[in-house]
């Protein structure tokens, strides 16, 4: 076997090993979305295994807006909603859209959610950057959005299949987690759901 063939075989085996069987997935009430209990993501060129802390559904006026899965670096013990929000480790929020949302509406939703815990002018530059990104990237039903906390660096935002951006402020990344887990949040049912597997 050539070195190339061996590497290709290893890559295929890795993909098969990392693909979670259906029985290892966790659903979201009112949705077909399934979240694997573990995923592997690249952080600074290094693969990191993340473990699901819980799932929830973001609703507005009784309508489903997006399913939400929360992940934290394997081996990190958050212990509580506050611990999960403040942990400066590899962690990620997976949003899967349940409906189309205009970029302006998504931007304004994030702005008002951040402001629930952090009054203006806190994070003004970071929030403006996030809002411009959201306005430029409207989401459709089925789209996936990754919000990734990169330890020691800040928040990475990506609408899968579109552009991505980095906001270099760890405190702002924590403020995004507080949207769902902070003292003032988008709903206790979301907070409880995202911490149900801690």
C-alpha atoms as a PDB file:
ATOM      1  CA  UNK A   1       0.000   0.000   0.000  1.00  0.00           C
ATOM      2  CA  UNK A   2       1.299   3.445  -0.908  1.00  0.00           C
ATOM      3  CA  UNK A   3       1.469   6.226   1.665  1.00  0.00           C
ATOM      4  CA  UNK A   4      -1.290   8.068  -0.221  1.00  0.00           C
ATOM      5  CA  UNK A   5      -3.573   5.000  -0.135  1.00  0.00           C
ATOM      6  CA  UNK A   6      -2.972   4.544   3.599  1.00  0.00           C
ATOM      7  CA  UNK A   7      -3.765   8.204   4.302  1.00  0.00           C
ATOM      8  CA  UNK A   8      -6.928   8.001   2.192  1.00  0.00           C
ATOM      9  CA  UNK A   9      -8.038   4.850   4.035  1.00  0.00           C
ATOM     10  CA  UNK A  10      -7.408   6.553   7.389  1.00  0.00           C
ATOM     11  CA  UNK A  11      -9.408   9.593   6.297  1.00  0.00           C
ATOM     12  CA  UNK A  12     -12.357   7.402   5.258  1.00  0.00           C
ATOM     13  CA  UNK A  13     -12.204   5.462   8.535  1.00  0.00           C
ATOM     14  CA  UNK A  14     -12.109   8.717  10.496  1.00  0.00           C
ATOM     15  CA  UNK A  15     -15.182  10.028   8.668  1.00  0.00           C
ATOM     16  CA  UNK A  16     -17.056   6.776   9.319  1.00  0.00           C
ATOM     17  CA  UNK A  17     -16.032   6.780  12.991  1.00  0.00           C
ATOM     18  CA  UNK A  18     -17.109  10.384  13.487  1.00  0.00           C
ATOM     19  CA  UNK A  19     -20.490   9.978  11.814  1.00  0.00           C
ATOM     20  CA  UNK A  20     -22.912   9.534  14.693  1.00  0.00           C
ATOM     21  CA  UNK A  21     -25.463   6.736  14.350  1.00  0.00           C
ATOM     22  CA  UNK A  22     -29.085   7.851  14.641  1.00  0.00           C
ATOM     23  CA  UNK A  23     -29.394   6.299  18.108  1.00  0.00           C
ATOM     24  CA  UNK A  24     -26.641   8.660  19.308  1.00  0.00           C
ATOM     25  CA  UNK A  25     -28.478  11.752  18.126  1.00  0.00           C
ATOM     26  CA  UNK A  26     -30.620  14.046  20.259  1.00  0.00           C
ATOM     27  CA  UNK A  27     -33.769  15.569  18.820  1.00  0.00           C
ATOM     28  CA  UNK A  28     -35.464  18.902  19.361  1.00  0.00           C
ATOM     29  CA  UNK A  29     -39.135  18.956  20.290  1.00  0.00           C
ATOM     30  CA  UNK A  30     -41.266  20.204  17.410  1.00  0.00           C
ATOM     31  CA  UNK A  31     -38.512  19.708  14.813  1.00  0.00           C
ATOM     32  CA  UNK A  32     -36.914  17.056  12.610  1.00  0.00           C
ATOM     33  CA  UNK A  33     -33.448  18.390  13.487  1.00  0.00           C
ATOM     34  CA  UNK A  34     -31.137  15.881  15.175  1.00  0.00           C
ATOM     35  CA  UNK A  35     -27.899  16.782  16.954  1.00  0.00           C
ATOM     36  CA  UNK A  36     -25.071  14.237  17.363  1.00  0.00           C
ATOM     37  CA  UNK A  37     -23.891  13.785  20.943  1.00  0.00           C
ATOM     38  CA  UNK A  38     -20.314  14.469  19.838  1.00  0.00           C
ATOM     39  CA  UNK A  39     -18.746  16.380  16.963  1.00  0.00           C
ATOM     40  CA  UNK A  40     -15.168  17.159  15.991  1.00  0.00           C
ATOM     41  CA  UNK A  41     -14.232  20.698  14.975  1.00  0.00           C
ATOM     42  CA  UNK A  42     -10.986  22.385  13.957  1.00  0.00           C
ATOM     43  CA  UNK A  43      -9.669  24.996  16.387  1.00  0.00           C
ATOM     44  CA  UNK A  44      -6.467  26.700  15.246  1.00  0.00           C
ATOM     45  CA  UNK A  45      -5.403  23.747  13.136  1.00  0.00           C
ATOM     46  CA  UNK A  46      -6.113  21.220  15.885  1.00  0.00           C
ATOM     47  CA  UNK A  47      -9.103  18.885  15.978  1.00  0.00           C
ATOM     48  CA  UNK A  48     -11.147  19.193  19.172  1.00  0.00           C
ATOM     49  CA  UNK A  49     -13.944  16.867  20.248  1.00  0.00           C
ATOM     50  CA  UNK A  50     -17.060  18.693  21.474  1.00  0.00           C
ATOM     51  CA  UNK A  51     -19.861  17.172  23.548  1.00  0.00           C
ATOM     52  CA  UNK A  52     -23.533  18.145  23.354  1.00  0.00           C
ATOM     53  CA  UNK A  53     -24.779  19.974  26.481  1.00  0.00           C
ATOM     54  CA  UNK A  54     -28.387  20.182  25.296  1.00  0.00           C
ATOM     55  CA  UNK A  55     -30.848  21.288  22.640  1.00  0.00           C
ATOM     56  CA  UNK A  56     -33.711  23.773  22.444  1.00  0.00           C
ATOM     57  CA  UNK A  57     -36.052  25.543  20.069  1.00  0.00           C
ATOM     58  CA  UNK A  58     -36.066  29.317  19.640  1.00  0.00           C
ATOM     59  CA  UNK A  59     -39.653  30.437  19.185  1.00  0.00           C
ATOM     60  CA  UNK A  60     -41.210  33.804  18.512  1.00  0.00           C
ATOM     61  CA  UNK A  61     -44.963  34.403  18.743  1.00  0.00           C
ATOM     62  CA  UNK A  62     -45.400  30.610  19.053  1.00  0.00           C
ATOM     63  CA  UNK A  63     -43.623  30.018  15.708  1.00  0.00           C
ATOM     64  CA  UNK A  64     -40.415  27.985  15.482  1.00  0.00           C
ATOM     65  CA  UNK A  65     -37.495  30.171  14.388  1.00  0.00           C
ATOM     66  CA  UNK A  66     -34.478  27.876  14.788  1.00  0.00           C
ATOM     67  CA  UNK A  67     -33.376  24.683  16.507  1.00  0.00           C
ATOM     68  CA  UNK A  68     -30.366  25.126  18.730  1.00  0.00           C
ATOM     69  CA  UNK A  69     -27.661  22.725  19.903  1.00  0.00           C
ATOM     70  CA  UNK A  70     -24.957  23.633  22.429  1.00  0.00           C
ATOM     71  CA  UNK A  71     -21.530  21.969  22.497  1.00  0.00           C
ATOM     72  CA  UNK A  72     -18.531  22.247  24.827  1.00  0.00           C
ATOM     73  CA  UNK A  73     -15.012  20.848  24.657  1.00  0.00           C
ATOM     74  CA  UNK A  74     -14.911  17.258  25.855  1.00  0.00           C
ATOM     75  CA  UNK A  75     -13.606  16.991  29.409  1.00  0.00           C
ATOM     76  CA  UNK A  76     -14.534  20.551  30.415  1.00  0.00           C
ATOM     77  CA  UNK A  77     -16.957  20.597  33.343  1.00  0.00           C
ATOM     78  CA  UNK A  78     -19.259  23.602  33.059  1.00  0.00           C
ATOM     79  CA  UNK A  79     -21.668  22.455  35.765  1.00  0.00           C
ATOM     80  CA  UNK A  80     -24.285  25.189  35.269  1.00  0.00           C
ATOM     81  CA  UNK A  81     -25.707  27.661  32.764  1.00  0.00           C
ATOM     82  CA  UNK A  82     -23.387  30.362  34.124  1.00  0.00           C
ATOM     83  CA  UNK A  83     -20.405  28.011  33.948  1.00  0.00           C
ATOM     84  CA  UNK A  84     -21.233  27.150  30.340  1.00  0.00           C
ATOM     85  CA  UNK A  85     -21.643  30.815  29.362  1.00  0.00           C
ATOM     86  CA  UNK A  86     -18.368  31.924  30.982  1.00  0.00           C
ATOM     87  CA  UNK A  87     -16.120  28.951  30.111  1.00  0.00           C
ATOM     88  CA  UNK A  88     -13.209  30.157  27.968  1.00  0.00           C
ATOM     89  CA  UNK A  89     -12.797  26.889  26.091  1.00  0.00           C
ATOM     90  CA  UNK A  90     -13.738  25.467  22.720  1.00  0.00           C
ATOM     91  CA  UNK A  91     -17.528  25.598  22.477  1.00  0.00           C
ATOM     92  CA  UNK A  92     -20.110  26.062  19.776  1.00  0.00           C
ATOM     93  CA  UNK A  93     -23.773  26.849  19.189  1.00  0.00           C
ATOM     94  CA  UNK A  94     -25.428  25.185  16.175  1.00  0.00           C
ATOM     95  CA  UNK A  95     -28.495  27.002  14.849  1.00  0.00           C
ATOM     96  CA  UNK A  96     -30.614  25.213  12.228  1.00  0.00           C
ATOM     97  CA  UNK A  97     -33.223  27.513  10.741  1.00  0.00           C
ATOM     98  CA  UNK A  98     -36.857  26.423  10.868  1.00  0.00           C
ATOM     99  CA  UNK A  99     -38.004  29.333   8.679  1.00  0.00           C
ATOM    100  CA  UNK A 100     -36.621  32.041   6.384  1.00  0.00           C
ATOM    101  CA  UNK A 101     -35.384  35.109   8.261  1.00  0.00           C
ATOM    102  CA  UNK A 102     -34.439  38.375   6.591  1.00  0.00           C
ATOM    103  CA  UNK A 103     -30.901  39.575   7.367  1.00  0.00           C
ATOM    104  CA  UNK A 104     -32.144  42.821   8.916  1.00  0.00           C
ATOM    105  CA  UNK A 105     -34.547  40.932  11.198  1.00  0.00           C
ATOM    106  CA  UNK A 106     -31.814  38.505  12.294  1.00  0.00           C
ATOM    107  CA  UNK A 107     -29.436  41.406  12.976  1.00  0.00           C
ATOM    108  CA  UNK A 108     -31.999  43.286  15.065  1.00  0.00           C
ATOM    109  CA  UNK A 109     -32.875  40.122  17.000  1.00  0.00           C
ATOM    110  CA  UNK A 110     -29.236  39.614  17.995  1.00  0.00           C
ATOM    111  CA  UNK A 111     -28.869  43.286  18.902  1.00  0.00           C
ATOM    112  CA  UNK A 112     -31.884  43.301  21.219  1.00  0.00           C
ATOM    113  CA  UNK A 113     -30.830  39.958  22.751  1.00  0.00           C
ATOM    114  CA  UNK A 114     -27.308  41.218  23.544  1.00  0.00           C
ATOM    115  CA  UNK A 115     -28.758  44.431  24.996  1.00  0.00           C
ATOM    116  CA  UNK A 116     -30.841  42.426  27.486  1.00  0.00           C
ATOM    117  CA  UNK A 117     -27.644  41.922  29.513  1.00  0.00           C
ATOM    118  CA  UNK A 118     -25.291  44.605  28.167  1.00  0.00           C
ATOM    119  CA  UNK A 119     -26.629  48.139  27.740  1.00  0.00           C
ATOM    120  CA  UNK A 120     -25.208  50.463  25.090  1.00  0.00           C
ATOM    121  CA  UNK A 121     -22.487  51.439  24.456  1.00  0.00           C
ATOM    122  CA  UNK A 122     -21.028  48.085  25.612  1.00  0.00           C
ATOM    123  CA  UNK A 123     -19.723  46.024  22.668  1.00  0.00           C
ATOM    124  CA  UNK A 124     -20.848  48.682  20.197  1.00  0.00           C
ATOM    125  CA  UNK A 125     -18.171  47.943  17.580  1.00  0.00           C
ATOM    126  CA  UNK A 126     -18.508  44.174  17.916  1.00  0.00           C
ATOM    127  CA  UNK A 127     -22.283  44.294  17.732  1.00  0.00           C
ATOM    128  CA  UNK A 128     -22.214  46.567  14.691  1.00  0.00           C
ATOM    129  CA  UNK A 129     -19.905  44.098  12.954  1.00  0.00           C
ATOM    130  CA  UNK A 130     -22.169  41.163  13.769  1.00  0.00           C
ATOM    131  CA  UNK A 131     -25.239  43.068  12.596  1.00  0.00           C
ATOM    132  CA  UNK A 132     -23.621  43.970   9.266  1.00  0.00           C
ATOM    133  CA  UNK A 133     -22.695  40.322   8.773  1.00  0.00           C
ATOM    134  CA  UNK A 134     -26.251  39.165   9.509  1.00  0.00           C
ATOM    135  CA  UNK A 135     -27.754  41.797   7.206  1.00  0.00           C
ATOM    136  CA  UNK A 136     -25.488  40.603   4.386  1.00  0.00           C
ATOM    137  CA  UNK A 137     -26.349  36.930   4.972  1.00  0.00           C
ATOM    138  CA  UNK A 138     -30.106  36.343   5.203  1.00  0.00           C
ATOM    139  CA  UNK A 139     -30.943  32.778   6.191  1.00  0.00           C
ATOM    140  CA  UNK A 140     -33.377  30.303   4.694  1.00  0.00           C
ATOM    141  CA  UNK A 141     -35.181  27.355   6.228  1.00  0.00           C
ATOM    142  CA  UNK A 142     -32.657  24.523   6.640  1.00  0.00           C
ATOM    143  CA  UNK A 143     -29.602  26.797   6.778  1.00  0.00           C
ATOM    144  CA  UNK A 144     -27.075  26.149   9.548  1.00  0.00           C
ATOM    145  CA  UNK A 145     -25.344  28.905  11.515  1.00  0.00           C
ATOM    146  CA  UNK A 146     -22.307  28.164  13.692  1.00  0.00           C
ATOM    147  CA  UNK A 147     -21.402  30.499  16.562  1.00  0.00           C
ATOM    148  CA  UNK A 148     -18.015  29.352  17.817  1.00  0.00           C
ATOM    149  CA  UNK A 149     -16.196  30.522  20.935  1.00  0.00           C
ATOM    150  CA  UNK A 150     -12.471  30.292  20.219  1.00  0.00           C
ATOM    151  CA  UNK A 151     -10.634  30.292  23.571  1.00  0.00           C
ATOM    152  CA  UNK A 152      -8.470  33.330  24.156  1.00  0.00           C
ATOM    153  CA  UNK A 153      -9.579  34.889  20.842  1.00  0.00           C
ATOM    154  CA  UNK A 154     -13.296  35.558  20.528  1.00  0.00           C
ATOM    155  CA  UNK A 155     -16.322  34.706  18.395  1.00  0.00           C
ATOM    156  CA  UNK A 156     -16.292  33.055  14.974  1.00  0.00           C
ATOM    157  CA  UNK A 157     -19.563  33.331  13.022  1.00  0.00           C
ATOM    158  CA  UNK A 158     -20.450  31.320   9.938  1.00  0.00           C
ATOM    159  CA  UNK A 159     -23.568  30.735   7.892  1.00  0.00           C
ATOM    160  CA  UNK A 160     -22.659  27.414   6.293  1.00  0.00           C
ATOM    161  CA  UNK A 161     -22.071  27.779   2.560  1.00  0.00           C
ATOM    162  CA  UNK A 162     -21.637  31.550   2.831  1.00  0.00           C
ATOM    163  CA  UNK A 163     -18.980  33.859   4.242  1.00  0.00           C
ATOM    164  CA  UNK A 164     -17.630  33.828   7.787  1.00  0.00           C
ATOM    165  CA  UNK A 165     -16.277  36.406  10.200  1.00  0.00           C
ATOM    166  CA  UNK A 166     -14.165  36.630  13.354  1.00  0.00           C
ATOM    167  CA  UNK A 167     -14.907  39.062  16.198  1.00  0.00           C
ATOM    168  CA  UNK A 168     -11.745  39.168  18.343  1.00  0.00           C
ATOM    169  CA  UNK A 169     -13.260  39.709  21.792  1.00  0.00           C
ATOM    170  CA  UNK A 170     -13.739  36.842  24.274  1.00  0.00           C
ATOM    171  CA  UNK A 171     -16.085  38.958  26.403  1.00  0.00           C
ATOM    172  CA  UNK A 172     -18.351  39.533  23.411  1.00  0.00           C
ATOM    173  CA  UNK A 173     -18.396  35.790  22.726  1.00  0.00           C
ATOM    174  CA  UNK A 174     -19.522  35.285  26.327  1.00  0.00           C
ATOM    175  CA  UNK A 175     -22.248  37.916  25.781  1.00  0.00           C
ATOM    176  CA  UNK A 176     -23.576  35.849  22.861  1.00  0.00           C
ATOM    177  CA  UNK A 177     -23.810  32.765  25.113  1.00  0.00           C
ATOM    178  CA  UNK A 178     -25.625  34.914  27.683  1.00  0.00           C
ATOM    179  CA  UNK A 179     -28.398  35.463  25.126  1.00  0.00           C
ATOM    180  CA  UNK A 180     -29.454  31.895  25.912  1.00  0.00           C
ATOM    181  CA  UNK A 181     -27.877  31.243  29.319  1.00  0.00           C
ATOM    182  CA  UNK A 182     -27.574  34.607  31.073  1.00  0.00           C
ATOM    183  CA  UNK A 183     -29.658  36.179  33.819  1.00  0.00           C
ATOM    184  CA  UNK A 184     -31.776  37.857  31.137  1.00  0.00           C
ATOM    185  CA  UNK A 185     -32.265  35.365  28.331  1.00  0.00           C
ATOM    186  CA  UNK A 186     -34.571  34.364  25.487  1.00  0.00           C
ATOM    187  CA  UNK A 187     -36.521  31.984  27.714  1.00  0.00           C
ATOM    188  CA  UNK A 188     -35.980  29.624  30.618  1.00  0.00           C
ATOM    189  CA  UNK A 189     -37.095  26.723  28.420  1.00  0.00           C
ATOM    190  CA  UNK A 190     -34.079  27.425  26.168  1.00  0.00           C
ATOM    191  CA  UNK A 191     -31.729  27.753  29.146  1.00  0.00           C
ATOM    192  CA  UNK A 192     -32.941  24.470  30.618  1.00  0.00           C
ATOM    193  CA  UNK A 193     -32.775  22.701  27.265  1.00  0.00           C
ATOM    194  CA  UNK A 194     -29.210  23.782  26.495  1.00  0.00           C
ATOM    195  CA  UNK A 195     -27.994  22.653  29.916  1.00  0.00           C
ATOM    196  CA  UNK A 196     -30.037  19.438  30.132  1.00  0.00           C
ATOM    197  CA  UNK A 197     -27.010  17.200  29.484  1.00  0.00           C
ATOM    198  CA  UNK A 198     -24.445  18.962  31.683  1.00  0.00           C
END
